């Protein structure tokens, strides 16, 4: 595993929203569901669309791809609904001094 990298200020992730970031050419999707902050790869493994542009559902803990409606758990990246079959990568995070750090 690599070193921890700063993603953003914790207050830059409003509760109930998904937000896309690019770090070192890697596109990430961060969500704050009110219970914690989670980070997964932002690119759908089925339709090649950004998950941060899709629907965020905190009750079901999923992100929906805006292209074909595939569902992914934002907690672990696992596929949760067709046509998604392959998981997206999830990343460890920690919050330090009001900053969200992600391990790439």
PDB file of N, CA and C in Angstrom:
ATOM      1  N   UNK A   1       0.840  -1.182   0.000  1.00  0.00           N
ATOM      2  CA  UNK A   1       0.000   0.000   0.000  1.00  0.00           C
ATOM      3  C   UNK A   1       0.883   1.242   0.000  1.00  0.00           C
ATOM      4  N   UNK A   2       0.351   2.288  -0.574  1.00  0.00           N
ATOM      5  CA  UNK A   2       1.093   3.534  -0.653  1.00  0.00           C
ATOM      6  C   UNK A   2       0.808   4.402   0.563  1.00  0.00           C
ATOM      7  N   UNK A   3       1.406   5.553   0.547  1.00  0.00           N
ATOM      8  CA  UNK A   3       1.196   6.516   1.621  1.00  0.00           C
ATOM      9  C   UNK A   3      -0.200   7.109   1.547  1.00  0.00           C
ATOM     10  N   UNK A   4      -0.571   7.759   2.605  1.00  0.00           N
ATOM     11  CA  UNK A   4      -1.857   8.454   2.658  1.00  0.00           C
ATOM     12  C   UNK A   4      -1.744   9.763   1.894  1.00  0.00           C
ATOM     13  N   UNK A   5      -2.781  10.089   1.138  1.00  0.00           N
ATOM     14  CA  UNK A   5      -2.832  11.287   0.319  1.00  0.00           C
ATOM     15  C   UNK A   5      -4.057  12.100   0.708  1.00  0.00           C
ATOM     16  N   UNK A   6      -3.903  13.413   0.789  1.00  0.00           N
ATOM     17  CA  UNK A   6      -5.042  14.262   1.131  1.00  0.00           C
ATOM     18  C   UNK A   6      -6.037  14.300  -0.027  1.00  0.00           C
ATOM     19  N   UNK A   7      -7.305  14.047   0.286  1.00  0.00           N
ATOM     20  CA  UNK A   7      -8.373  14.107  -0.709  1.00  0.00           C
ATOM     21  C   UNK A   7      -9.040  15.481  -0.701  1.00  0.00           C
ATOM     22  N   UNK A   8      -9.476  15.922   0.499  1.00  0.00           N
ATOM     23  CA  UNK A   8     -10.177  17.202   0.612  1.00  0.00           C
ATOM     24  C   UNK A   8     -10.403  17.508   2.084  1.00  0.00           C
ATOM     25  N   UNK A   9     -10.964  18.676   2.331  1.00  0.00           N
ATOM     26  CA  UNK A   9     -11.409  19.014   3.682  1.00  0.00           C
ATOM     27  C   UNK A   9     -12.664  18.191   3.976  1.00  0.00           C
ATOM     28  N   UNK A  10     -12.803  17.726   5.191  1.00  0.00           N
ATOM     29  CA  UNK A  10     -13.972  16.920   5.553  1.00  0.00           C
ATOM     30  C   UNK A  10     -15.268  17.688   5.331  1.00  0.00           C
ATOM     31  N   UNK A  11     -15.253  18.993   5.559  1.00  0.00           N
ATOM     32  CA  UNK A  11     -16.480  19.773   5.379  1.00  0.00           C
ATOM     33  C   UNK A  11     -16.790  20.056   3.907  1.00  0.00           C
ATOM     34  N   UNK A  12     -15.920  19.621   2.996  1.00  0.00           N
ATOM     35  CA  UNK A  12     -16.184  19.737   1.558  1.00  0.00           C
ATOM     36  C   UNK A  12     -17.061  18.591   1.054  1.00  0.00           C
ATOM     37  N   UNK A  13     -17.387  17.640   1.949  1.00  0.00           N
ATOM     38  CA  UNK A  13     -18.243  16.506   1.603  1.00  0.00           C
ATOM     39  C   UNK A  13     -19.555  16.601   2.377  1.00  0.00           C
ATOM     40  N   UNK A  14     -20.516  17.333   1.846  1.00  0.00           N
ATOM     41  CA  UNK A  14     -21.800  17.456   2.536  1.00  0.00           C
ATOM     42  C   UNK A  14     -22.495  16.105   2.665  1.00  0.00           C
ATOM     43  N   UNK A  15     -23.168  15.923   3.759  1.00  0.00           N
ATOM     44  CA  UNK A  15     -23.916  14.681   3.976  1.00  0.00           C
ATOM     45  C   UNK A  15     -24.957  14.489   2.872  1.00  0.00           C
ATOM     46  N   UNK A  16     -25.019  13.267   2.360  1.00  0.00           N
ATOM     47  CA  UNK A  16     -26.025  12.931   1.363  1.00  0.00           C
ATOM     48  C   UNK A  16     -25.640  13.223  -0.071  1.00  0.00           C
ATOM     49  N   UNK A  17     -24.363  13.461  -0.322  1.00  0.00           N
ATOM     50  CA  UNK A  17     -23.914  13.748  -1.682  1.00  0.00           C
ATOM     51  C   UNK A  17     -22.719  12.878  -2.059  1.00  0.00           C
ATOM     52  N   UNK A  18     -22.598  12.611  -3.351  1.00  0.00           N
ATOM     53  CA  UNK A  18     -21.413  11.971  -3.908  1.00  0.00           C
ATOM     54  C   UNK A  18     -20.626  13.046  -4.648  1.00  0.00           C
ATOM     55  N   UNK A  19     -19.310  12.984  -4.551  1.00  0.00           N
ATOM     56  CA  UNK A  19     -18.482  14.015  -5.178  1.00  0.00           C
ATOM     57  C   UNK A  19     -17.267  13.354  -5.817  1.00  0.00           C
ATOM     58  N   UNK A  20     -16.955  13.755  -7.044  1.00  0.00           N
ATOM     59  CA  UNK A  20     -15.818  13.206  -7.764  1.00  0.00           C
ATOM     60  C   UNK A  20     -14.553  14.018  -7.547  1.00  0.00           C
ATOM     61  N   UNK A  21     -13.421  13.312  -7.497  1.00  0.00           N
ATOM     62  CA  UNK A  21     -12.096  13.913  -7.331  1.00  0.00           C
ATOM     63  C   UNK A  21     -11.122  13.195  -8.251  1.00  0.00           C
ATOM     64  N   UNK A  22     -10.070  13.885  -8.644  1.00  0.00           N
ATOM     65  CA  UNK A  22      -8.993  13.241  -9.389  1.00  0.00           C
ATOM     66  C   UNK A  22      -7.696  13.484  -8.643  1.00  0.00           C
ATOM     67  N   UNK A  23      -6.994  12.397  -8.324  1.00  0.00           N
ATOM     68  CA  UNK A  23      -5.704  12.465  -7.644  1.00  0.00           C
ATOM     69  C   UNK A  23      -4.723  11.629  -8.447  1.00  0.00           C
ATOM     70  N   UNK A  24      -3.643  12.247  -8.868  1.00  0.00           N
ATOM     71  CA  UNK A  24      -2.603  11.555  -9.639  1.00  0.00           C
ATOM     72  C   UNK A  24      -3.192  10.763 -10.801  1.00  0.00           C
ATOM     73  N   UNK A  25      -4.160  11.353 -11.492  1.00  0.00           N
ATOM     74  CA  UNK A  25      -4.777  10.711 -12.648  1.00  0.00           C
ATOM     75  C   UNK A  25      -5.815   9.656 -12.315  1.00  0.00           C
ATOM     76  N   UNK A  26      -6.060   9.415 -11.036  1.00  0.00           N
ATOM     77  CA  UNK A  26      -7.044   8.422 -10.599  1.00  0.00           C
ATOM     78  C   UNK A  26      -8.329   9.135 -10.201  1.00  0.00           C
ATOM     79  N   UNK A  27      -9.438   8.754 -10.798  1.00  0.00           N
ATOM     80  CA  UNK A  27     -10.740   9.368 -10.504  1.00  0.00           C
ATOM     81  C   UNK A  27     -11.379   8.623  -9.330  1.00  0.00           C
ATOM     82  N   UNK A  28     -11.760   9.375  -8.288  1.00  0.00           N
ATOM     83  CA  UNK A  28     -12.347   8.821  -7.066  1.00  0.00           C
ATOM     84  C   UNK A  28     -13.717   9.425  -6.815  1.00  0.00           C
ATOM     85  N   UNK A  29     -14.590   8.642  -6.195  1.00  0.00           N
ATOM     86  CA  UNK A  29     -15.909   9.103  -5.776  1.00  0.00           C
ATOM     87  C   UNK A  29     -15.976   9.002  -4.258  1.00  0.00           C
ATOM     88  N   UNK A  30     -16.211  10.123  -3.597  1.00  0.00           N
ATOM     89  CA  UNK A  30     -16.312  10.165  -2.143  1.00  0.00           C
ATOM     90  C   UNK A  30     -17.750  10.472  -1.754  1.00  0.00           C
ATOM     91  N   UNK A  31     -18.227   9.791  -0.723  1.00  0.00           N
ATOM     92  CA  UNK A  31     -19.574  10.042  -0.209  1.00  0.00           C
ATOM     93  C   UNK A  31     -19.530  10.183   1.305  1.00  0.00           C
ATOM     94  N   UNK A  32     -20.437  11.002   1.801  1.00  0.00           N
ATOM     95  CA  UNK A  32     -20.662  11.150   3.238  1.00  0.00           C
ATOM     96  C   UNK A  32     -22.120  10.797   3.461  1.00  0.00           C
ATOM     97  N   UNK A  33     -22.356   9.636   4.065  1.00  0.00           N
ATOM     98  CA  UNK A  33     -23.749   9.204   4.251  1.00  0.00           C
ATOM     99  C   UNK A  33     -24.292   9.518   5.640  1.00  0.00           C
ATOM    100  N   UNK A  34     -23.541  10.288   6.416  1.00  0.00           N
ATOM    101  CA  UNK A  34     -23.981  10.638   7.765  1.00  0.00           C
ATOM    102  C   UNK A  34     -23.422   9.699   8.819  1.00  0.00           C
ATOM    103  N   UNK A  35     -23.021   8.490   8.414  1.00  0.00           N
ATOM    104  CA  UNK A  35     -22.394   7.556   9.346  1.00  0.00           C
ATOM    105  C   UNK A  35     -20.892   7.513   9.151  1.00  0.00           C
ATOM    106  N   UNK A  36     -20.431   8.033   8.020  1.00  0.00           N
ATOM    107  CA  UNK A  36     -19.008   8.025   7.712  1.00  0.00           C
ATOM    108  C   UNK A  36     -18.755   8.488   6.293  1.00  0.00           C
ATOM    109  N   UNK A  37     -17.480   8.571   5.974  1.00  0.00           N
ATOM    110  CA  UNK A  37     -17.047   8.942   4.631  1.00  0.00           C
ATOM    111  C   UNK A  37     -16.468   7.692   3.979  1.00  0.00           C
ATOM    112  N   UNK A  38     -16.811   7.500   2.705  1.00  0.00           N
ATOM    113  CA  UNK A  38     -16.374   6.321   1.963  1.00  0.00           C
ATOM    114  C   UNK A  38     -15.846   6.770   0.610  1.00  0.00           C
ATOM    115  N   UNK A  39     -14.846   6.055   0.094  1.00  0.00           N
ATOM    116  CA  UNK A  39     -14.257   6.393  -1.198  1.00  0.00           C
ATOM    117  C   UNK A  39     -14.129   5.129  -2.040  1.00  0.00           C
ATOM    118  N   UNK A  40     -14.626   5.221  -3.277  1.00  0.00           N
ATOM    119  CA  UNK A  40     -14.495   4.143  -4.257  1.00  0.00           C
ATOM    120  C   UNK A  40     -14.005   4.743  -5.569  1.00  0.00           C
ATOM    121  N   UNK A  41     -13.551   3.873  -6.471  1.00  0.00           N
ATOM    122  CA  UNK A  41     -13.204   4.327  -7.819  1.00  0.00           C
ATOM    123  C   UNK A  41     -14.463   4.904  -8.454  1.00  0.00           C
ATOM    124  N   UNK A  42     -14.307   5.984  -9.181  1.00  0.00           N
ATOM    125  CA  UNK A  42     -15.468   6.716  -9.694  1.00  0.00           C
ATOM    126  C   UNK A  42     -15.995   6.173 -11.019  1.00  0.00           C
ATOM    127  N   UNK A  43     -15.269   5.308 -11.673  1.00  0.00           N
ATOM    128  CA  UNK A  43     -15.663   4.849 -13.000  1.00  0.00           C
ATOM    129  C   UNK A  43     -16.405   3.512 -12.922  1.00  0.00           C
ATOM    130  N   UNK A  44     -17.632   3.490 -13.429  1.00  0.00           N
ATOM    131  CA  UNK A  44     -18.436   2.271 -13.471  1.00  0.00           C
ATOM    132  C   UNK A  44     -17.692   1.187 -14.252  1.00  0.00           C
ATOM    133  N   UNK A  45     -17.713  -0.027 -13.760  1.00  0.00           N
ATOM    134  CA  UNK A  45     -17.036  -1.135 -14.434  1.00  0.00           C
ATOM    135  C   UNK A  45     -17.855  -1.692 -15.585  1.00  0.00           C
ATOM    136  N   UNK A  46     -19.081  -1.257 -15.747  1.00  0.00           N
ATOM    137  CA  UNK A  46     -19.921  -1.732 -16.848  1.00  0.00           C
ATOM    138  C   UNK A  46     -19.999  -0.710 -17.975  1.00  0.00           C
ATOM    139  N   UNK A  47     -20.438   0.498 -17.650  1.00  0.00           N
ATOM    140  CA  UNK A  47     -20.723   1.477 -18.692  1.00  0.00           C
ATOM    141  C   UNK A  47     -19.722   2.583 -18.859  1.00  0.00           C
ATOM    142  N   UNK A  48     -18.656   2.588 -18.057  1.00  0.00           N
ATOM    143  CA  UNK A  48     -17.620   3.604 -18.168  1.00  0.00           C
ATOM    144  C   UNK A  48     -18.158   5.021 -17.966  1.00  0.00           C
ATOM    145  N   UNK A  49     -19.017   5.193 -16.994  1.00  0.00           N
ATOM    146  CA  UNK A  49     -19.539   6.507 -16.620  1.00  0.00           C
ATOM    147  C   UNK A  49     -19.109   6.799 -15.181  1.00  0.00           C
ATOM    148  N   UNK A  50     -19.100   8.079 -14.816  1.00  0.00           N
ATOM    149  CA  UNK A  50     -18.715   8.460 -13.463  1.00  0.00           C
ATOM    150  C   UNK A  50     -19.859   8.215 -12.482  1.00  0.00           C
ATOM    151  N   UNK A  51     -19.582   7.429 -11.442  1.00  0.00           N
ATOM    152  CA  UNK A  51     -20.593   7.145 -10.420  1.00  0.00           C
ATOM    153  C   UNK A  51     -20.972   8.408  -9.652  1.00  0.00           C
ATOM    154  N   UNK A  52     -20.038   9.340  -9.528  1.00  0.00           N
ATOM    155  CA  UNK A  52     -20.339  10.587  -8.819  1.00  0.00           C
ATOM    156  C   UNK A  52     -21.387  11.425  -9.547  1.00  0.00           C
ATOM    157  N   UNK A  53     -21.619  11.136 -10.827  1.00  0.00           N
ATOM    158  CA  UNK A  53     -22.650  11.831 -11.596  1.00  0.00           C
ATOM    159  C   UNK A  53     -24.013  11.146 -11.493  1.00  0.00           C
ATOM    160  N   UNK A  54     -24.050   9.993 -10.836  1.00  0.00           N
ATOM    161  CA  UNK A  54     -25.290   9.225 -10.738  1.00  0.00           C
ATOM    162  C   UNK A  54     -26.042   9.475  -9.449  1.00  0.00           C
ATOM    163  N   UNK A  55     -26.967   8.587  -9.156  1.00  0.00           N
ATOM    164  CA  UNK A  55     -27.837   8.688  -7.984  1.00  0.00           C
ATOM    165  C   UNK A  55     -27.155   8.091  -6.764  1.00  0.00           C
ATOM    166  N   UNK A  56     -27.275   8.778  -5.632  1.00  0.00           N
ATOM    167  CA  UNK A  56     -26.705   8.342  -4.353  1.00  0.00           C
ATOM    168  C   UNK A  56     -27.851   7.972  -3.417  1.00  0.00           C
ATOM    169  N   UNK A  57     -27.831   6.759  -2.865  1.00  0.00           N
ATOM    170  CA  UNK A  57     -28.891   6.300  -1.974  1.00  0.00           C
ATOM    171  C   UNK A  57     -28.274   5.850  -0.651  1.00  0.00           C
ATOM    172  N   UNK A  58     -28.402   6.692   0.385  1.00  0.00           N
ATOM    173  CA  UNK A  58     -27.822   6.386   1.694  1.00  0.00           C
ATOM    174  C   UNK A  58     -28.556   5.262   2.407  1.00  0.00           C
ATOM    175  N   UNK A  59     -29.855   5.090   2.160  1.00  0.00           N
ATOM    176  CA  UNK A  59     -30.604   3.996   2.804  1.00  0.00           C
ATOM    177  C   UNK A  59     -30.136   2.639   2.325  1.00  0.00           C
ATOM    178  N   UNK A  60     -29.872   2.516   1.030  1.00  0.00           N
ATOM    179  CA  UNK A  60     -29.424   1.251   0.446  1.00  0.00           C
ATOM    180  C   UNK A  60     -27.895   1.154   0.368  1.00  0.00           C
ATOM    181  N   UNK A  61     -27.204   2.252   0.695  1.00  0.00           N
ATOM    182  CA  UNK A  61     -25.735   2.323   0.663  1.00  0.00           C
ATOM    183  C   UNK A  61     -25.184   2.042  -0.729  1.00  0.00           C
ATOM    184  N   UNK A  62     -25.818   2.625  -1.753  1.00  0.00           N
ATOM    185  CA  UNK A  62     -25.387   2.391  -3.127  1.00  0.00           C
ATOM    186  C   UNK A  62     -25.239   3.686  -3.916  1.00  0.00           C
ATOM    187  N   UNK A  63     -24.437   3.559  -4.964  1.00  0.00           N
ATOM    188  CA  UNK A  63     -24.324   4.562  -6.014  1.00  0.00           C
ATOM    189  C   UNK A  63     -24.883   3.926  -7.275  1.00  0.00           C
ATOM    190  N   UNK A  64     -25.656   4.690  -8.035  1.00  0.00           N
ATOM    191  CA  UNK A  64     -26.224   4.180  -9.282  1.00  0.00           C
ATOM    192  C   UNK A  64     -25.537   4.851 -10.461  1.00  0.00           C
ATOM    193  N   UNK A  65     -25.039   4.048 -11.375  1.00  0.00           N
ATOM    194  CA  UNK A  65     -24.394   4.570 -12.572  1.00  0.00           C
ATOM    195  C   UNK A  65     -25.423   5.336 -13.400  1.00  0.00           C
ATOM    196  N   UNK A  66     -25.065   6.552 -13.867  1.00  0.00           N
ATOM    197  CA  UNK A  66     -26.028   7.350 -14.631  1.00  0.00           C
ATOM    198  C   UNK A  66     -26.259   6.830 -16.057  1.00  0.00           C
ATOM    199  N   UNK A  67     -25.412   5.937 -16.522  1.00  0.00           N
ATOM    200  CA  UNK A  67     -25.527   5.480 -17.900  1.00  0.00           C
ATOM    201  C   UNK A  67     -26.526   4.330 -18.074  1.00  0.00           C
ATOM    202  N   UNK A  68     -26.351   3.247 -17.304  1.00  0.00           N
ATOM    203  CA  UNK A  68     -27.227   2.078 -17.446  1.00  0.00           C
ATOM    204  C   UNK A  68     -27.884   1.635 -16.139  1.00  0.00           C
ATOM    205  N   UNK A  69     -27.668   2.380 -15.056  1.00  0.00           N
ATOM    206  CA  UNK A  69     -28.355   2.069 -13.804  1.00  0.00           C
ATOM    207  C   UNK A  69     -27.729   0.984 -12.954  1.00  0.00           C
ATOM    208  N   UNK A  70     -26.492   0.566 -13.262  1.00  0.00           N
ATOM    209  CA  UNK A  70     -25.818  -0.415 -12.410  1.00  0.00           C
ATOM    210  C   UNK A  70     -25.625   0.141 -11.009  1.00  0.00           C
ATOM    211  N   UNK A  71     -25.739  -0.718 -10.013  1.00  0.00           N
ATOM    212  CA  UNK A  71     -25.619  -0.298  -8.616  1.00  0.00           C
ATOM    213  C   UNK A  71     -24.346  -0.851  -7.992  1.00  0.00           C
ATOM    214  N   UNK A  72     -23.686  -0.006  -7.185  1.00  0.00           N
ATOM    215  CA  UNK A  72     -22.474  -0.398  -6.479  1.00  0.00           C
ATOM    216  C   UNK A  72     -22.565   0.047  -5.024  1.00  0.00           C
ATOM    217  N   UNK A  73     -22.118  -0.799  -4.113  1.00  0.00           N
ATOM    218  CA  UNK A  73     -22.005  -0.404  -2.714  1.00  0.00           C
ATOM    219  C   UNK A  73     -20.886   0.623  -2.601  1.00  0.00           C
ATOM    220  N   UNK A  74     -21.183   1.757  -1.983  1.00  0.00           N
ATOM    221  CA  UNK A  74     -20.116   2.731  -1.772  1.00  0.00           C
ATOM    222  C   UNK A  74     -19.286   2.368  -0.551  1.00  0.00           C
ATOM    223  N   UNK A  75     -19.723   1.378   0.209  1.00  0.00           N
ATOM    224  CA  UNK A  75     -18.966   0.946   1.386  1.00  0.00           C
ATOM    225  C   UNK A  75     -17.808   0.008   1.029  1.00  0.00           C
ATOM    226  N   UNK A  76     -18.021  -0.871   0.045  1.00  0.00           N
ATOM    227  CA  UNK A  76     -16.959  -1.818  -0.321  1.00  0.00           C
ATOM    228  C   UNK A  76     -16.758  -1.988  -1.825  1.00  0.00           C
ATOM    229  N   UNK A  77     -17.537  -1.287  -2.644  1.00  0.00           N
ATOM    230  CA  UNK A  77     -17.378  -1.345  -4.087  1.00  0.00           C
ATOM    231  C   UNK A  77     -18.054  -2.508  -4.777  1.00  0.00           C
ATOM    232  N   UNK A  78     -18.717  -3.373  -4.037  1.00  0.00           N
ATOM    233  CA  UNK A  78     -19.321  -4.569  -4.634  1.00  0.00           C
ATOM    234  C   UNK A  78     -20.523  -4.214  -5.509  1.00  0.00           C
ATOM    235  N   UNK A  79     -20.729  -4.967  -6.602  1.00  0.00           N
ATOM    236  CA  UNK A  79     -21.897  -4.725  -7.448  1.00  0.00           C
ATOM    237  C   UNK A  79     -23.168  -5.124  -6.703  1.00  0.00           C
ATOM    238  N   UNK A  80     -24.208  -4.300  -6.834  1.00  0.00           N
ATOM    239  CA  UNK A  80     -25.451  -4.537  -6.092  1.00  0.00           C
ATOM    240  C   UNK A  80     -26.676  -4.642  -7.001  1.00  0.00           C
ATOM    241  N   UNK A  81     -26.487  -4.497  -8.309  1.00  0.00           N
ATOM    242  CA  UNK A  81     -27.625  -4.583  -9.214  1.00  0.00           C
ATOM    243  C   UNK A  81     -27.192  -4.555 -10.664  1.00  0.00           C
ATOM    244  N   UNK A  82     -27.898  -5.308 -11.481  1.00  0.00           N
ATOM    245  CA  UNK A  82     -27.600  -5.400 -12.919  1.00  0.00           C
ATOM    246  C   UNK A  82     -27.670  -4.028 -13.573  1.00  0.00           C
ATOM    247  N   UNK A  83     -26.859  -3.811 -14.571  1.00  0.00           N
ATOM    248  CA  UNK A  83     -25.982  -4.745 -15.263  1.00  0.00           C
ATOM    249  C   UNK A  83     -24.570  -4.830 -14.676  1.00  0.00           C
ATOM    250  N   UNK A  84     -24.315  -4.203 -13.539  1.00  0.00           N
ATOM    251  CA  UNK A  84     -22.986  -4.242 -12.920  1.00  0.00           C
ATOM    252  C   UNK A  84     -22.675  -5.653 -12.426  1.00  0.00           C
ATOM    253  N   UNK A  85     -21.513  -6.156 -12.816  1.00  0.00           N
ATOM    254  CA  UNK A  85     -21.077  -7.476 -12.375  1.00  0.00           C
ATOM    255  C   UNK A  85     -19.727  -7.448 -11.681  1.00  0.00           C
ATOM    256  N   UNK A  86     -18.860  -6.507 -12.067  1.00  0.00           N
ATOM    257  CA  UNK A  86     -17.528  -6.389 -11.480  1.00  0.00           C
ATOM    258  C   UNK A  86     -17.523  -5.256 -10.466  1.00  0.00           C
ATOM    259  N   UNK A  87     -16.845  -5.466  -9.339  1.00  0.00           N
ATOM    260  CA  UNK A  87     -16.790  -4.405  -8.331  1.00  0.00           C
ATOM    261  C   UNK A  87     -15.919  -3.232  -8.770  1.00  0.00           C
ATOM    262  N   UNK A  88     -16.153  -2.094  -8.138  1.00  0.00           N
ATOM    263  CA  UNK A  88     -15.227  -0.976  -8.241  1.00  0.00           C
ATOM    264  C   UNK A  88     -14.329  -1.038  -7.009  1.00  0.00           C
ATOM    265  N   UNK A  89     -13.137  -0.552  -7.151  1.00  0.00           N
ATOM    266  CA  UNK A  89     -12.174  -0.583  -6.042  1.00  0.00           C
ATOM    267  C   UNK A  89     -12.620   0.369  -4.938  1.00  0.00           C
ATOM    268  N   UNK A  90     -12.458  -0.069  -3.699  1.00  0.00           N
ATOM    269  CA  UNK A  90     -12.711   0.819  -2.561  1.00  0.00           C
ATOM    270  C   UNK A  90     -11.365   1.168  -1.922  1.00  0.00           C
ATOM    271  N   UNK A  91     -11.325   2.301  -1.252  1.00  0.00           N
ATOM    272  CA  UNK A  91     -10.077   2.814  -0.699  1.00  0.00           C
ATOM    273  C   UNK A  91     -10.232   3.100   0.789  1.00  0.00           C
ATOM    274  N   UNK A  92      -9.210   2.746   1.590  1.00  0.00           N
ATOM    275  CA  UNK A  92      -9.225   3.119   3.007  1.00  0.00           C
ATOM    276  C   UNK A  92      -9.139   4.635   3.141  1.00  0.00           C
ATOM    277  N   UNK A  93      -9.860   5.174   4.109  1.00  0.00           N
ATOM    278  CA  UNK A  93      -9.775   6.606   4.391  1.00  0.00           C
ATOM    279  C   UNK A  93      -9.604   6.810   5.894  1.00  0.00           C
ATOM    280  N   UNK A  94      -9.146   7.984   6.237  1.00  0.00           N
ATOM    281  CA  UNK A  94      -9.128   8.433   7.632  1.00  0.00           C
ATOM    282  C   UNK A  94      -9.266   9.939   7.621  1.00  0.00           C
ATOM    283  N   UNK A  95      -9.770  10.474   8.707  1.00  0.00           N
ATOM    284  CA  UNK A  95      -9.919  11.923   8.828  1.00  0.00           C
ATOM    285  C   UNK A  95      -8.944  12.390   9.906  1.00  0.00           C
ATOM    286  N   UNK A  96      -8.098  13.342   9.515  1.00  0.00           N
ATOM    287  CA  UNK A  96      -7.088  13.888  10.420  1.00  0.00           C
ATOM    288  C   UNK A  96      -7.132  15.402  10.359  1.00  0.00           C
ATOM    289  N   UNK A  97      -7.346  16.031  11.475  1.00  0.00           N
ATOM    290  CA  UNK A  97      -7.330  17.476  11.520  1.00  0.00           C
ATOM    291  C   UNK A  97      -8.291  18.133  10.543  1.00  0.00           C
ATOM    292  N   UNK A  98      -9.457  17.520  10.360  1.00  0.00           N
ATOM    293  CA  UNK A  98     -10.463  18.070   9.467  1.00  0.00           C
ATOM    294  C   UNK A  98     -10.213  17.805   7.993  1.00  0.00           C
ATOM    295  N   UNK A  99      -9.208  16.982   7.674  1.00  0.00           N
ATOM    296  CA  UNK A  99      -8.868  16.644   6.291  1.00  0.00           C
ATOM    297  C   UNK A  99      -9.142  15.159   6.066  1.00  0.00           C
ATOM    298  N   UNK A 100      -9.704  14.836   4.890  1.00  0.00           N
ATOM    299  CA  UNK A 100      -9.935  13.438   4.520  1.00  0.00           C
ATOM    300  C   UNK A 100      -8.688  12.940   3.809  1.00  0.00           C
ATOM    301  N   UNK A 101      -8.129  11.863   4.319  1.00  0.00           N
ATOM    302  CA  UNK A 101      -6.945  11.252   3.744  1.00  0.00           C
ATOM    303  C   UNK A 101      -7.355   9.900   3.142  1.00  0.00           C
ATOM    304  N   UNK A 102      -6.816   9.592   1.976  1.00  0.00           N
ATOM    305  CA  UNK A 102      -7.138   8.343   1.289  1.00  0.00           C
ATOM    306  C   UNK A 102      -5.842   7.600   1.005  1.00  0.00           C
ATOM    307  N   UNK A 103      -5.901   6.277   1.160  1.00  0.00           N
ATOM    308  CA  UNK A 103      -4.720   5.449   0.870  1.00  0.00           C
ATOM    309  C   UNK A 103      -4.896   4.871  -0.529  1.00  0.00           C
ATOM    310  N   UNK A 104      -4.053   5.312  -1.452  1.00  0.00           N
ATOM    311  CA  UNK A 104      -4.136   4.885  -2.846  1.00  0.00           C
ATOM    312  C   UNK A 104      -3.363   3.605  -3.086  1.00  0.00           C
TER     313      UNK A 104
END
